[in-house]
Protein backbone atom coordinates (compact mmCIF):
# COMPACT_ATOMS: atom_id res chain seq x y z
CA MET A 1 1.03 -30.62 12.92
CA LYS A 2 4.22 -31.03 10.95
CA ARG A 3 7.04 -28.56 11.24
CA TYR A 4 6.74 -27.18 7.68
CA GLU A 5 2.99 -26.67 8.17
CA LEU A 6 3.64 -24.73 11.37
CA ILE A 7 6.29 -22.61 9.65
CA SER A 8 3.96 -21.96 6.72
CA LYS A 9 1.07 -20.91 8.97
CA THR A 10 3.37 -18.73 11.08
CA ASN A 11 4.76 -17.01 7.98
CA LYS A 12 1.27 -16.42 6.62
CA PHE A 13 0.13 -14.97 9.96
CA LEU A 14 3.16 -12.67 10.17
CA LYS A 15 2.65 -11.49 6.58
CA VAL A 16 -1.00 -10.62 7.29
CA GLN A 17 -0.07 -8.92 10.55
CA ASN A 18 2.69 -6.90 8.86
CA THR A 19 0.35 -5.86 6.04
CA GLU A 20 -2.27 -4.73 8.56
CA GLU A 21 0.30 -2.71 10.53
CA VAL A 22 1.65 -1.03 7.39
CA TRP A 23 -1.88 -0.28 6.18
CA ALA A 24 -2.86 1.19 9.56
CA HIS A 25 0.23 3.40 9.61
CA PHE A 26 -0.27 4.51 6.02
CA THR A 27 -3.92 5.47 6.51
CA GLU A 28 -3.06 7.49 9.62
CA LEU A 29 -1.03 9.91 7.52
CA LYS A 30 -3.37 12.87 7.11
CA GLU A 31 -2.20 14.19 3.73
CA GLN A 32 -2.15 10.79 2.13
CA ASN A 33 -5.32 9.52 3.77
CA VAL A 34 -7.58 11.10 1.15
CA ILE A 35 -5.44 9.73 -1.67
CA VAL A 36 -5.36 6.26 -0.15
CA LYS A 37 -9.14 6.24 0.23
CA HIS A 38 -9.50 7.32 -3.40
CA LEU A 39 -7.13 4.58 -4.58
CA VAL A 40 -9.03 1.96 -2.60
CA GLU A 41 -12.25 3.09 -4.28
CA ALA A 42 -10.74 3.39 -7.77
CA CYS A 43 -8.42 0.37 -7.95
CA HIS A 44 -9.13 -3.31 -7.87
CA LYS A 45 -8.02 -5.02 -4.65
CA LYS A 46 -5.61 -7.31 -6.52
CA ILE A 47 -3.77 -4.29 -8.01
CA LEU A 48 -3.36 -2.78 -4.55
CA GLU A 49 -2.09 -6.10 -3.18
CA LEU A 50 0.47 -6.35 -6.00
CA TRP A 51 1.57 -2.76 -5.36
CA GLN A 52 2.01 -3.52 -1.65
CA GLU A 53 3.95 -6.69 -2.41
CA ILE A 54 6.33 -4.84 -4.72
CA VAL A 55 6.79 -1.84 -2.44
CA THR A 56 7.63 -4.00 0.60
CA LYS A 57 10.53 -5.53 -1.34
CA LEU A 58 12.03 -2.15 -2.28
CA PRO A 59 14.66 -0.28 -0.26
CA ARG A 60 13.18 2.36 2.05
CA ASN A 61 14.40 5.34 0.01
CA ILE A 62 12.80 3.94 -3.16
CA THR A 63 9.60 3.22 -1.24
CA CYS A 64 9.45 6.85 -0.09
CA PHE A 65 10.10 8.02 -3.64
CA ALA A 66 7.33 5.76 -5.01
CA ARG A 67 4.88 6.99 -2.36
CA ARG A 68 5.67 10.64 -3.14
CA ALA A 69 5.34 10.01 -6.87
CA LEU A 70 1.95 8.39 -6.26
CA VAL A 71 0.80 11.33 -4.15
CA LEU A 72 2.01 13.89 -6.69
CA SER A 73 0.50 12.03 -9.64
CA GLU A 74 -2.85 11.80 -7.82
CA GLN A 75 -2.75 15.53 -7.08
CA HIS A 76 -1.95 16.19 -10.75
CA PHE A 77 -4.95 14.14 -11.91
CA GLU A 78 -7.21 15.90 -9.42
CA SER A 79 -6.10 19.34 -10.69
CA GLU A 80 -6.73 18.26 -14.29
CA ALA A 81 -10.21 17.08 -13.34
CA VAL A 82 -10.97 20.45 -11.76
CA GLU A 83 -9.81 22.29 -14.89
CA CYS A 84 -12.03 20.27 -17.23
């Protein structure tokens, strides 16, 4: 196996492993677990992958802000659905 192939496979493995670790941590959060499950059911897998790719490139404080905004927007939509 050539060096660049080994590097490519290693990078791909690490990216998958990192994604799995982040996903596991995120779904363990009790408050957000329900919202995450809803998003997985409601959104196409490609959209979620793009979201994850973008969020991992953001600074941590922006990532936290985006996560909170997502949680609050989901709660807002749920309260509107109850009112209807």
